[in-house]
Amino acid sequence: MELGLALPTSGPQTSPETIVKVAKEAERLGYAALWTYERLLRPIEDVTLWSGGEPQQVPEVYRSVYEPLETLSYVAAVTERVKLGTGIIIGPLHVPVTLARRFATWTGSAAGG
């Protein structure tokens, strides 16, 4: 079994230094992959987060989220073998040809994957 870890790419405590520290330590500990995600908007009003239940405030951690491909490119430069991936890319928010080119460039430059 291979284990992956989500990079700390959102919230007030995240920073490039924190991301690099987590990435290097995860690689040292033998994690197989590091993941990130894309989130563009954070609702201001309360929302129902899951089916049913009372509306709730979206957690503060989602107020700011680092861009996933740039973050993974940054991590690729400081890691050697760990695989890198995105859990979510919101395709309709991107020009398809540009997104494909970004993925191709990023995939070709990442050591682990």
PDB file of N, CA and C in Angstrom:
ATOM      1  N   MET A   1       0.833  -1.156   0.000  1.00  0.00           N
ATOM      2  CA  MET A   1       0.000   0.000   0.000  1.00  0.00           C
ATOM      3  C   MET A   1       0.894   1.240   0.000  1.00  0.00           C
ATOM      4  N   GLU A   2       0.492   2.224  -0.778  1.00  0.00           N
ATOM      5  CA  GLU A   2       1.193   3.504  -0.798  1.00  0.00           C
ATOM      6  C   GLU A   2       0.333   4.547  -0.103  1.00  0.00           C
ATOM      7  N   LEU A   3       0.962   5.405   0.655  1.00  0.00           N
ATOM      8  CA  LEU A   3       0.244   6.471   1.345  1.00  0.00           C
ATOM      9  C   LEU A   3       0.641   7.822   0.782  1.00  0.00           C
ATOM     10  N   GLY A   4      -0.350   8.692   0.666  1.00  0.00           N
ATOM     11  CA  GLY A   4      -0.113  10.056   0.232  1.00  0.00           C
ATOM     12  C   GLY A   4      -0.510  11.024   1.327  1.00  0.00           C
ATOM     13  N   LEU A   5      -0.149  12.268   1.129  1.00  0.00           N
ATOM     14  CA  LEU A   5      -0.393  13.299   2.125  1.00  0.00           C
ATOM     15  C   LEU A   5      -0.849  14.566   1.413  1.00  0.00           C
ATOM     16  N   ALA A   6      -1.849  15.230   1.979  1.00  0.00           N
ATOM     17  CA  ALA A   6      -2.290  16.514   1.429  1.00  0.00           C
ATOM     18  C   ALA A   6      -1.349  17.610   1.915  1.00  0.00           C
ATOM     19  N   LEU A   7      -0.868  18.396   0.989  1.00  0.00           N
ATOM     20  CA  LEU A   7      -0.013  19.528   1.351  1.00  0.00           C
ATOM     21  C   LEU A   7      -0.846  20.609   2.041  1.00  0.00           C
ATOM     22  N   PRO A   8      -0.266  21.352   2.954  1.00  0.00           N
ATOM     23  CA  PRO A   8      -0.995  22.423   3.640  1.00  0.00           C
ATOM     24  C   PRO A   8      -1.077  23.671   2.762  1.00  0.00           C
ATOM     25  N   THR A   9      -2.035  23.673   1.831  1.00  0.00           N
ATOM     26  CA  THR A   9      -2.108  24.743   0.839  1.00  0.00           C
ATOM     27  C   THR A   9      -3.244  25.725   1.078  1.00  0.00           C
ATOM     28  N   SER A  10      -3.857  25.672   2.241  1.00  0.00           N
ATOM     29  CA  SER A  10      -4.925  26.625   2.529  1.00  0.00           C
ATOM     30  C   SER A  10      -4.891  27.013   3.995  1.00  0.00           C
ATOM     31  N   GLY A  11      -5.479  28.150   4.269  1.00  0.00           N
ATOM     32  CA  GLY A  11      -5.588  28.607   5.643  1.00  0.00           C
ATOM     33  C   GLY A  11      -4.526  29.608   6.027  1.00  0.00           C
ATOM     34  N   PRO A  12      -4.722  30.239   7.161  1.00  0.00           N
ATOM     35  CA  PRO A  12      -3.824  31.319   7.574  1.00  0.00           C
ATOM     36  C   PRO A  12      -2.413  30.858   7.933  1.00  0.00           C
ATOM     37  N   GLN A  13      -2.223  29.596   8.247  1.00  0.00           N
ATOM     38  CA  GLN A  13      -0.903  29.106   8.652  1.00  0.00           C
ATOM     39  C   GLN A  13      -0.039  28.656   7.474  1.00  0.00           C
ATOM     40  N   THR A  14      -0.616  28.582   6.278  1.00  0.00           N
ATOM     41  CA  THR A  14       0.160  28.067   5.158  1.00  0.00           C
ATOM     42  C   THR A  14       1.114  29.130   4.615  1.00  0.00           C
ATOM     43  N   SER A  15       2.225  28.664   4.091  1.00  0.00           N
ATOM     44  CA  SER A  15       3.229  29.540   3.490  1.00  0.00           C
ATOM     45  C   SER A  15       4.117  28.672   2.607  1.00  0.00           C
ATOM     46  N   PRO A  16       4.873  29.270   1.697  1.00  0.00           N
ATOM     47  CA  PRO A  16       5.810  28.473   0.907  1.00  0.00           C
ATOM     48  C   PRO A  16       6.780  27.686   1.789  1.00  0.00           C
ATOM     49  N   GLU A  17       7.230  28.292   2.874  1.00  0.00           N
ATOM     50  CA  GLU A  17       8.162  27.606   3.771  1.00  0.00           C
ATOM     51  C   GLU A  17       7.511  26.385   4.426  1.00  0.00           C
ATOM     52  N   THR A  18       6.267  26.530   4.850  1.00  0.00           N
ATOM     53  CA  THR A  18       5.549  25.412   5.466  1.00  0.00           C
ATOM     54  C   THR A  18       5.334  24.293   4.465  1.00  0.00           C
ATOM     55  N   ILE A  19       4.961  24.643   3.250  1.00  0.00           N
ATOM     56  CA  ILE A  19       4.729  23.639   2.211  1.00  0.00           C
ATOM     57  C   ILE A  19       6.010  22.859   1.937  1.00  0.00           C
ATOM     58  N   VAL A  20       7.134  23.554   1.799  1.00  0.00           N
ATOM     59  CA  VAL A  20       8.418  22.886   1.547  1.00  0.00           C
ATOM     60  C   VAL A  20       8.799  21.994   2.724  1.00  0.00           C
ATOM     61  N   LYS A  21       8.629  22.485   3.931  1.00  0.00           N
ATOM     62  CA  LYS A  21       8.965  21.697   5.119  1.00  0.00           C
ATOM     63  C   LYS A  21       8.150  20.404   5.163  1.00  0.00           C
ATOM     64  N   VAL A  22       6.851  20.494   4.918  1.00  0.00           N
ATOM     65  CA  VAL A  22       5.988  19.305   4.922  1.00  0.00           C
ATOM     66  C   VAL A  22       6.373  18.365   3.785  1.00  0.00           C
ATOM     67  N   ALA A  23       6.627  18.905   2.598  1.00  0.00           N
ATOM     68  CA  ALA A  23       6.985  18.070   1.446  1.00  0.00           C
ATOM     69  C   ALA A  23       8.280  17.301   1.693  1.00  0.00           C
ATOM     70  N   LYS A  24       9.292  17.980   2.185  1.00  0.00           N
ATOM     71  CA  LYS A  24      10.576  17.313   2.441  1.00  0.00           C
ATOM     72  C   LYS A  24      10.451  16.255   3.535  1.00  0.00           C
ATOM     73  N   GLU A  25       9.712  16.572   4.581  1.00  0.00           N
ATOM     74  CA  GLU A  25       9.543  15.613   5.676  1.00  0.00           C
ATOM     75  C   GLU A  25       8.713  14.408   5.216  1.00  0.00           C
ATOM     76  N   ALA A  26       7.680  14.642   4.430  1.00  0.00           N
ATOM     77  CA  ALA A  26       6.870  13.534   3.913  1.00  0.00           C
ATOM     78  C   ALA A  26       7.714  12.618   3.038  1.00  0.00           C
ATOM     79  N   GLU A  27       8.557  13.196   2.208  1.00  0.00           N
ATOM     80  CA  GLU A  27       9.433  12.384   1.364  1.00  0.00           C
ATOM     81  C   GLU A  27      10.429  11.605   2.227  1.00  0.00           C
ATOM     82  N   ARG A  28      10.996  12.242   3.226  1.00  0.00           N
ATOM     83  CA  ARG A  28      11.940  11.576   4.129  1.00  0.00           C
ATOM     84  C   ARG A  28      11.282  10.402   4.853  1.00  0.00           C
ATOM     85  N   LEU A  29      10.020  10.563   5.221  1.00  0.00           N
ATOM     86  CA  LEU A  29       9.291   9.517   5.937  1.00  0.00           C
ATOM     87  C   LEU A  29       8.775   8.404   5.025  1.00  0.00           C
ATOM     88  N   GLY A  30       8.923   8.578   3.715  1.00  0.00           N
ATOM     89  CA  GLY A  30       8.544   7.529   2.784  1.00  0.00           C
ATOM     90  C   GLY A  30       7.149   7.616   2.199  1.00  0.00           C
ATOM     91  N   TYR A  31       6.485   8.753   2.351  1.00  0.00           N
ATOM     92  CA  TYR A  31       5.183   8.897   1.704  1.00  0.00           C
ATOM     93  C   TYR A  31       5.364   8.775   0.197  1.00  0.00           C
ATOM     94  N   ALA A  32       4.378   8.184  -0.462  1.00  0.00           N
ATOM     95  CA  ALA A  32       4.472   7.947  -1.898  1.00  0.00           C
ATOM     96  C   ALA A  32       4.045   9.153  -2.720  1.00  0.00           C
ATOM     97  N   ALA A  33       3.138   9.974  -2.190  1.00  0.00           N
ATOM     98  CA  ALA A  33       2.578  11.063  -2.988  1.00  0.00           C
ATOM     99  C   ALA A  33       2.231  12.261  -2.115  1.00  0.00           C
ATOM    100  N   LEU A  34       2.221  13.413  -2.757  1.00  0.00           N
ATOM    101  CA  LEU A  34       1.777  14.658  -2.135  1.00  0.00           C
ATOM    102  C   LEU A  34       0.682  15.243  -3.015  1.00  0.00           C
ATOM    103  N   TRP A  35      -0.371  15.734  -2.384  1.00  0.00           N
ATOM    104  CA  TRP A  35      -1.549  16.188  -3.118  1.00  0.00           C
ATOM    105  C   TRP A  35      -1.921  17.621  -2.759  1.00  0.00           C
ATOM    106  N   THR A  36      -2.576  18.269  -3.688  1.00  0.00           N
ATOM    107  CA  THR A  36      -3.175  19.565  -3.449  1.00  0.00           C
ATOM    108  C   THR A  36      -4.517  19.607  -4.174  1.00  0.00           C
ATOM    109  N   TYR A  37      -5.179  20.741  -4.136  1.00  0.00           N
ATOM    110  CA  TYR A  37      -6.488  20.874  -4.770  1.00  0.00           C
ATOM    111  C   TYR A  37      -6.697  22.325  -5.169  1.00  0.00           C
ATOM    112  N   GLU A  38      -7.730  22.545  -5.960  1.00  0.00           N
ATOM    113  CA  GLU A  38      -8.054  23.900  -6.387  1.00  0.00           C
ATOM    114  C   GLU A  38      -9.387  24.313  -5.773  1.00  0.00           C
ATOM    115  N   ARG A  39      -9.428  25.503  -5.256  1.00  0.00           N
ATOM    116  CA  ARG A  39     -10.672  26.077  -4.737  1.00  0.00           C
ATOM    117  C   ARG A  39     -10.608  27.560  -5.035  1.00  0.00           C
ATOM    118  N   LEU A  40     -11.608  28.056  -5.754  1.00  0.00           N
ATOM    119  CA  LEU A  40     -11.583  29.449  -6.165  1.00  0.00           C
ATOM    120  C   LEU A  40     -12.397  30.350  -5.240  1.00  0.00           C
ATOM    121  N   LEU A  41     -13.558  29.885  -4.835  1.00  0.00           N
ATOM    122  CA  LEU A  41     -14.471  30.732  -4.073  1.00  0.00           C
ATOM    123  C   LEU A  41     -14.774  30.151  -2.703  1.00  0.00           C
ATOM    124  N   ARG A  42     -15.065  31.026  -1.777  1.00  0.00           N
ATOM    125  CA  ARG A  42     -15.511  30.618  -0.446  1.00  0.00           C
ATOM    126  C   ARG A  42     -16.817  31.355  -0.177  1.00  0.00           C
ATOM    127  N   PRO A  43     -17.927  30.619  -0.018  1.00  0.00           N
ATOM    128  CA  PRO A  43     -19.207  31.291   0.234  1.00  0.00           C
ATOM    129  C   PRO A  43     -19.160  32.146   1.499  1.00  0.00           C
ATOM    130  N   ILE A  44     -19.786  33.310   1.435  1.00  0.00           N
ATOM    131  CA  ILE A  44     -19.875  34.189   2.597  1.00  0.00           C
ATOM    132  C   ILE A  44     -21.035  33.754   3.490  1.00  0.00           C
ATOM    133  N   GLU A  45     -22.136  33.387   2.850  1.00  0.00           N
ATOM    134  CA  GLU A  45     -23.317  32.957   3.600  1.00  0.00           C
ATOM    135  C   GLU A  45     -23.151  31.522   4.074  1.00  0.00           C
ATOM    136  N   ASP A  46     -23.905  31.161   5.106  1.00  0.00           N
ATOM    137  CA  ASP A  46     -23.912  29.782   5.579  1.00  0.00           C
ATOM    138  C   ASP A  46     -24.463  28.873   4.490  1.00  0.00           C
ATOM    139  N   VAL A  47     -23.925  27.668   4.392  1.00  0.00           N
ATOM    140  CA  VAL A  47     -24.374  26.696   3.394  1.00  0.00           C
ATOM    141  C   VAL A  47     -24.548  25.338   4.066  1.00  0.00           C
ATOM    142  N   THR A  48     -25.360  24.490   3.427  1.00  0.00           N
ATOM    143  CA  THR A  48     -25.472  23.111   3.882  1.00  0.00           C
ATOM    144  C   THR A  48     -24.307  22.361   3.277  1.00  0.00           C
ATOM    145  N   LEU A  49     -23.379  21.902   4.107  1.00  0.00           N
ATOM    146  CA  LEU A  49     -22.147  21.289   3.617  1.00  0.00           C
ATOM    147  C   LEU A  49     -22.358  19.875   3.114  1.00  0.00           C
ATOM    148  N   TRP A  50     -23.251  19.126   3.716  1.00  0.00           N
ATOM    149  CA  TRP A  50     -23.525  17.760   3.293  1.00  0.00           C
ATOM    150  C   TRP A  50     -25.027  17.613   3.196  1.00  0.00           C
ATOM    151  N   SER A  51     -25.490  16.524   2.648  1.00  0.00           N
ATOM    152  CA  SER A  51     -26.932  16.348   2.489  1.00  0.00           C
ATOM    153  C   SER A  51     -27.624  16.391   3.849  1.00  0.00           C
ATOM    154  N   GLY A  52     -28.618  17.239   3.924  1.00  0.00           N
ATOM    155  CA  GLY A  52     -29.342  17.393   5.177  1.00  0.00           C
ATOM    156  C   GLY A  52     -28.592  18.270   6.156  1.00  0.00           C
ATOM    157  N   GLY A  53     -29.162  18.423   7.321  1.00  0.00           N
ATOM    158  CA  GLY A  53     -28.500  19.202   8.355  1.00  0.00           C
ATOM    159  C   GLY A  53     -28.751  20.688   8.219  1.00  0.00           C
ATOM    160  N   GLU A  54     -28.288  21.401   9.194  1.00  0.00           N
ATOM    161  CA  GLU A  54     -28.444  22.851   9.243  1.00  0.00           C
ATOM    162  C   GLU A  54     -27.333  23.537   8.448  1.00  0.00           C
ATOM    163  N   PRO A  55     -27.648  24.677   7.821  1.00  0.00           N
ATOM    164  CA  PRO A  55     -26.585  25.435   7.145  1.00  0.00           C
ATOM    165  C   PRO A  55     -25.483  25.826   8.132  1.00  0.00           C
ATOM    166  N   GLN A  56     -24.255  25.808   7.640  1.00  0.00           N
ATOM    167  CA  GLN A  56     -23.096  26.123   8.472  1.00  0.00           C
ATOM    168  C   GLN A  56     -22.172  27.076   7.731  1.00  0.00           C
ATOM    169  N   GLN A  57     -21.342  27.762   8.480  1.00  0.00           N
ATOM    170  CA  GLN A  57     -20.308  28.612   7.898  1.00  0.00           C
ATOM    171  C   GLN A  57     -19.232  27.719   7.282  1.00  0.00           C
ATOM    172  N   VAL A  58     -18.785  28.043   6.080  1.00  0.00           N
ATOM    173  CA  VAL A  58     -17.685  27.304   5.467  1.00  0.00           C
ATOM    174  C   VAL A  58     -16.430  27.600   6.288  1.00  0.00           C
ATOM    175  N   PRO A  59     -15.640  26.587   6.610  1.00  0.00           N
ATOM    176  CA  PRO A  59     -14.471  26.803   7.469  1.00  0.00           C
ATOM    177  C   PRO A  59     -13.528  27.895   6.955  1.00  0.00           C
ATOM    178  N   GLU A  60     -12.983  28.647   7.879  1.00  0.00           N
ATOM    179  CA  GLU A  60     -12.069  29.752   7.584  1.00  0.00           C
ATOM    180  C   GLU A  60     -10.845  29.300   6.786  1.00  0.00           C
ATOM    181  N   VAL A  61     -10.463  28.045   6.942  1.00  0.00           N
ATOM    182  CA  VAL A  61      -9.278  27.532   6.256  1.00  0.00           C
ATOM    183  C   VAL A  61      -9.408  27.668   4.733  1.00  0.00           C
ATOM    184  N   TYR A  62     -10.630  27.752   4.216  1.00  0.00           N
ATOM    185  CA  TYR A  62     -10.831  27.859   2.773  1.00  0.00           C
ATOM    186  C   TYR A  62     -10.851  29.299   2.268  1.00  0.00           C
ATOM    187  N   ARG A  63     -10.571  30.267   3.138  1.00  0.00           N
ATOM    188  CA  ARG A  63     -10.580  31.666   2.694  1.00  0.00           C
ATOM    189  C   ARG A  63      -9.514  31.907   1.627  1.00  0.00           C
ATOM    190  N   SER A  64      -8.359  31.299   1.774  1.00  0.00           N
ATOM    191  CA  SER A  64      -7.313  31.420   0.753  1.00  0.00           C
ATOM    192  C   SER A  64      -6.708  30.041   0.507  1.00  0.00           C
ATOM    193  N   VAL A  65      -6.563  29.714  -0.760  1.00  0.00           N
ATOM    194  CA  VAL A  65      -6.011  28.422  -1.165  1.00  0.00           C
ATOM    195  C   VAL A  65      -4.972  28.680  -2.253  1.00  0.00           C
ATOM    196  N   TYR A  66      -3.788  28.119  -2.100  1.00  0.00           N
ATOM    197  CA  TYR A  66      -2.735  28.283  -3.105  1.00  0.00           C
ATOM    198  C   TYR A  66      -3.139  27.611  -4.419  1.00  0.00           C
ATOM    199  N   GLU A  67      -2.683  28.151  -5.517  1.00  0.00           N
ATOM    200  CA  GLU A  67      -2.949  27.581  -6.839  1.00  0.00           C
ATOM    201  C   GLU A  67      -2.217  26.244  -6.940  1.00  0.00           C
ATOM    202  N   PRO A  68      -2.911  25.169  -7.381  1.00  0.00           N
ATOM    203  CA  PRO A  68      -2.326  23.831  -7.280  1.00  0.00           C
ATOM    204  C   PRO A  68      -1.121  23.553  -8.181  1.00  0.00           C
ATOM    205  N   LEU A  69      -1.159  23.916  -9.440  1.00  0.00           N
ATOM    206  CA  LEU A  69      -0.044  23.555 -10.325  1.00  0.00           C
ATOM    207  C   LEU A  69       1.223  24.339 -10.005  1.00  0.00           C
ATOM    208  N   GLU A  70       1.075  25.609  -9.668  1.00  0.00           N
ATOM    209  CA  GLU A  70       2.258  26.373  -9.275  1.00  0.00           C
ATOM    210  C   GLU A  70       2.837  25.826  -7.972  1.00  0.00           C
ATOM    211  N   THR A  71       1.963  25.457  -7.051  1.00  0.00           N
ATOM    212  CA  THR A  71       2.421  24.874  -5.789  1.00  0.00           C
ATOM    213  C   THR A  71       3.168  23.573  -6.035  1.00  0.00           C
ATOM    214  N   LEU A  72       2.615  22.714  -6.878  1.00  0.00           N
ATOM    215  CA  LEU A  72       3.268  21.431  -7.155  1.00  0.00           C
ATOM    216  C   LEU A  72       4.575  21.622  -7.917  1.00  0.00           C
ATOM    217  N   SER A  73       4.655  22.625  -8.765  1.00  0.00           N
ATOM    218  CA  SER A  73       5.922  22.921  -9.445  1.00  0.00           C
ATOM    219  C   SER A  73       6.981  23.324  -8.426  1.00  0.00           C
ATOM    220  N   TYR A  74       6.579  24.118  -7.473  1.00  0.00           N
ATOM    221  CA  TYR A  74       7.474  24.550  -6.396  1.00  0.00           C
ATOM    222  C   TYR A  74       7.960  23.345  -5.596  1.00  0.00           C
ATOM    223  N   VAL A  75       7.040  22.437  -5.273  1.00  0.00           N
ATOM    224  CA  VAL A  75       7.385  21.235  -4.510  1.00  0.00           C
ATOM    225  C   VAL A  75       8.271  20.305  -5.340  1.00  0.00           C
ATOM    226  N   ALA A  76       8.014  20.214  -6.637  1.00  0.00           N
ATOM    227  CA  ALA A  76       8.831  19.355  -7.504  1.00  0.00           C
ATOM    228  C   ALA A  76      10.296  19.783  -7.489  1.00  0.00           C
ATOM    229  N   ALA A  77      10.524  21.073  -7.316  1.00  0.00           N
ATOM    230  CA  ALA A  77      11.897  21.580  -7.312  1.00  0.00           C
ATOM    231  C   ALA A  77      12.660  21.219  -6.040  1.00  0.00           C
ATOM    232  N   VAL A  78      11.950  20.833  -4.978  1.00  0.00           N
ATOM    233  CA  VAL A  78      12.634  20.544  -3.711  1.00  0.00           C
ATOM    234  C   VAL A  78      12.492  19.087  -3.270  1.00  0.00           C
ATOM    235  N   THR A  79      11.870  18.255  -4.101  1.00  0.00           N
ATOM    236  CA  THR A  79      11.735  16.829  -3.792  1.00  0.00           C
ATOM    237  C   THR A  79      12.383  16.024  -4.906  1.00  0.00           C
ATOM    238  N   GLU A  80      12.608  14.727  -4.636  1.00  0.00           N
ATOM    239  CA  GLU A  80      13.304  13.894  -5.616  1.00  0.00           C
ATOM    240  C   GLU A  80      12.485  12.726  -6.140  1.00  0.00           C
ATOM    241  N   ARG A  81      11.719  12.056  -5.307  1.00  0.00           N
ATOM    242  CA  ARG A  81      11.064  10.839  -5.759  1.00  0.00           C
ATOM    243  C   ARG A  81       9.560  10.805  -5.536  1.00  0.00           C
ATOM    244  N   VAL A  82       9.036  11.627  -4.661  1.00  0.00           N
ATOM    245  CA  VAL A  82       7.621  11.573  -4.312  1.00  0.00           C
ATOM    246  C   VAL A  82       6.756  11.961  -5.516  1.00  0.00           C
ATOM    247  N   LYS A  83       5.640  11.260  -5.685  1.00  0.00           N
ATOM    248  CA  LYS A  83       4.699  11.584  -6.757  1.00  0.00           C
ATOM    249  C   LYS A  83       3.883  12.796  -6.333  1.00  0.00           C
ATOM    250  N   LEU A  84       3.459  13.579  -7.318  1.00  0.00           N
ATOM    251  CA  LEU A  84       2.695  14.788  -7.046  1.00  0.00           C
ATOM    252  C   LEU A  84       1.386  14.749  -7.812  1.00  0.00           C
ATOM    253  N   GLY A  85       0.330  15.247  -7.194  1.00  0.00           N
ATOM    254  CA  GLY A  85      -0.953  15.225  -7.879  1.00  0.00           C
ATOM    255  C   GLY A  85      -1.929  16.247  -7.331  1.00  0.00           C
ATOM    256  N   THR A  86      -2.974  16.463  -8.105  1.00  0.00           N
ATOM    257  CA  THR A  86      -4.062  17.338  -7.685  1.00  0.00           C
ATOM    258  C   THR A  86      -5.301  16.493  -7.443  1.00  0.00           C
ATOM    259  N   GLY A  87      -5.971  16.746  -6.351  1.00  0.00           N
ATOM    260  CA  GLY A  87      -7.230  16.068  -6.091  1.00  0.00           C
ATOM    261  C   GLY A  87      -8.346  16.700  -6.896  1.00  0.00           C
ATOM    262  N   ILE A  88      -8.243  18.004  -7.132  1.00  0.00           N
ATOM    263  CA  ILE A  88      -9.279  18.734  -7.863  1.00  0.00           C
ATOM    264  C   ILE A  88      -8.623  19.820  -8.708  1.00  0.00           C
ATOM    265  N   ILE A  89      -9.003  19.858  -9.972  1.00  0.00           N
ATOM    266  CA  ILE A  89      -8.758  21.001 -10.854  1.00  0.00           C
ATOM    267  C   ILE A  89     -10.119  21.331 -11.454  1.00  0.00           C
ATOM    268  N   ILE A  90     -10.547  22.566 -11.346  1.00  0.00           N
ATOM    269  CA  ILE A  90     -11.862  22.956 -11.849  1.00  0.00           C
ATOM    270  C   ILE A  90     -11.714  23.311 -13.323  1.00  0.00           C
ATOM    271  N   GLY A  91     -11.879  22.304 -14.177  1.00  0.00           N
ATOM    272  CA  GLY A  91     -11.647  22.443 -15.612  1.00  0.00           C
ATOM    273  C   GLY A  91     -12.327  23.624 -16.277  1.00  0.00           C
ATOM    274  N   PRO A  92     -13.625  23.866 -16.041  1.00  0.00           N
ATOM    275  CA  PRO A  92     -14.304  24.966 -16.717  1.00  0.00           C
ATOM    276  C   PRO A  92     -13.748  26.356 -16.392  1.00  0.00           C
ATOM    277  N   LEU A  93     -12.944  26.471 -15.366  1.00  0.00           N
ATOM    278  CA  LEU A  93     -12.353  27.768 -15.032  1.00  0.00           C
ATOM    279  C   LEU A  93     -11.095  28.072 -15.840  1.00  0.00           C
ATOM    280  N   HIS A  94     -10.647  27.116 -16.648  1.00  0.00           N
ATOM    281  CA  HIS A  94      -9.391  27.255 -17.383  1.00  0.00           C
ATOM    282  C   HIS A  94      -9.623  27.113 -18.883  1.00  0.00           C
ATOM    283  N   VAL A  95      -8.805  27.789 -19.649  1.00  0.00           N
ATOM    284  CA  VAL A  95      -8.797  27.575 -21.099  1.00  0.00           C
ATOM    285  C   VAL A  95      -8.217  26.180 -21.324  1.00  0.00           C
ATOM    286  N   PRO A  96      -8.941  25.273 -22.015  1.00  0.00           N
ATOM    287  CA  PRO A  96      -8.493  23.881 -22.127  1.00  0.00           C
ATOM    288  C   PRO A  96      -7.073  23.705 -22.666  1.00  0.00           C
ATOM    289  N   VAL A  97      -6.728  24.407 -23.729  1.00  0.00           N
ATOM    290  CA  VAL A  97      -5.399  24.250 -24.320  1.00  0.00           C
ATOM    291  C   VAL A  97      -4.320  24.727 -23.347  1.00  0.00           C
ATOM    292  N   THR A  98      -4.576  25.825 -22.674  1.00  0.00           N
ATOM    293  CA  THR A  98      -3.612  26.345 -21.709  1.00  0.00           C
ATOM    294  C   THR A  98      -3.452  25.396 -20.530  1.00  0.00           C
ATOM    295  N   LEU A  99      -4.557  24.848 -20.039  1.00  0.00           N
ATOM    296  CA  LEU A  99      -4.483  23.904 -18.925  1.00  0.00           C
ATOM    297  C   LEU A  99      -3.713  22.651 -19.334  1.00  0.00           C
ATOM    298  N   ALA A 100      -3.977  22.141 -20.530  1.00  0.00           N
ATOM    299  CA  ALA A 100      -3.250  20.964 -21.019  1.00  0.00           C
ATOM    300  C   ALA A 100      -1.755  21.262 -21.126  1.00  0.00           C
ATOM    301  N   ARG A 101      -1.427  22.434 -21.605  1.00  0.00           N
ATOM    302  CA  ARG A 101      -0.015  22.815 -21.730  1.00  0.00           C
ATOM    303  C   ARG A 101       0.643  22.925 -20.353  1.00  0.00           C
ATOM    304  N   ARG A 102      -0.073  23.501 -19.401  1.00  0.00           N
ATOM    305  CA  ARG A 102       0.473  23.620 -18.043  1.00  0.00           C
ATOM    306  C   ARG A 102       0.724  22.245 -17.444  1.00  0.00           C
ATOM    307  N   PHE A 103      -0.234  21.328 -17.616  1.00  0.00           N
ATOM    308  CA  PHE A 103      -0.044  19.970 -17.102  1.00  0.00           C
ATOM    309  C   PHE A 103       1.135  19.283 -17.786  1.00  0.00           C
ATOM    310  N   ALA A 104       1.243  19.436 -19.092  1.00  0.00           N
ATOM    311  CA  ALA A 104       2.338  18.792 -19.824  1.00  0.00           C
ATOM    312  C   ALA A 104       3.691  19.339 -19.366  1.00  0.00           C
ATOM    313  N   THR A 105       3.788  20.637 -19.203  1.00  0.00           N
ATOM    314  CA  THR A 105       5.033  21.243 -18.737  1.00  0.00           C
ATOM    315  C   THR A 105       5.356  20.787 -17.327  1.00  0.00           C
ATOM    316  N   TRP A 106       4.364  20.821 -16.468  1.00  0.00           N
ATOM    317  CA  TRP A 106       4.558  20.430 -15.074  1.00  0.00           C
ATOM    318  C   TRP A 106       4.935  18.959 -14.957  1.00  0.00           C
ATOM    319  N   THR A 107       4.232  18.085 -15.670  1.00  0.00           N
ATOM    320  CA  THR A 107       4.512  16.650 -15.612  1.00  0.00           C
ATOM    321  C   THR A 107       5.922  16.354 -16.104  1.00  0.00           C
ATOM    322  N   GLY A 108       6.344  17.040 -17.141  1.00  0.00           N
ATOM    323  CA  GLY A 108       7.678  16.811 -17.682  1.00  0.00           C
ATOM    324  C   GLY A 108       8.795  17.278 -16.775  1.00  0.00           C
ATOM    325  N   SER A 109       8.497  18.216 -15.884  1.00  0.00           N
ATOM    326  CA  SER A 109       9.556  18.758 -15.028  1.00  0.00           C
ATOM    327  C   SER A 109       9.563  18.170 -13.622  1.00  0.00           C
ATOM    328  N   ALA A 110       8.526  17.425 -13.258  1.00  0.00           N
ATOM    329  CA  ALA A 110       8.444  16.873 -11.899  1.00  0.00           C
ATOM    330  C   ALA A 110       9.217  15.565 -11.812  1.00  0.00           C
ATOM    331  N   ALA A 111      10.104  15.460 -10.853  1.00  0.00           N
ATOM    332  CA  ALA A 111      10.952  14.270 -10.714  1.00  0.00           C
ATOM    333  C   ALA A 111      10.162  13.024 -10.357  1.00  0.00           C
ATOM    334  N   GLY A 112       9.251  13.142  -9.410  1.00  0.00           N
ATOM    335  CA  GLY A 112       8.523  11.969  -8.937  1.00  0.00           C
ATOM    336  C   GLY A 112       7.331  11.602  -9.774  1.00  0.00           C
ATOM    337  N   GLY A 113       6.835  12.477 -10.565  1.00  0.00           N
ATOM    338  CA  GLY A 113       5.681  12.062 -11.320  1.00  0.00           C
ATOM    339  C   GLY A 113       4.896  13.186 -11.822  1.00  0.00           C
TER     340      GLY A 113
END
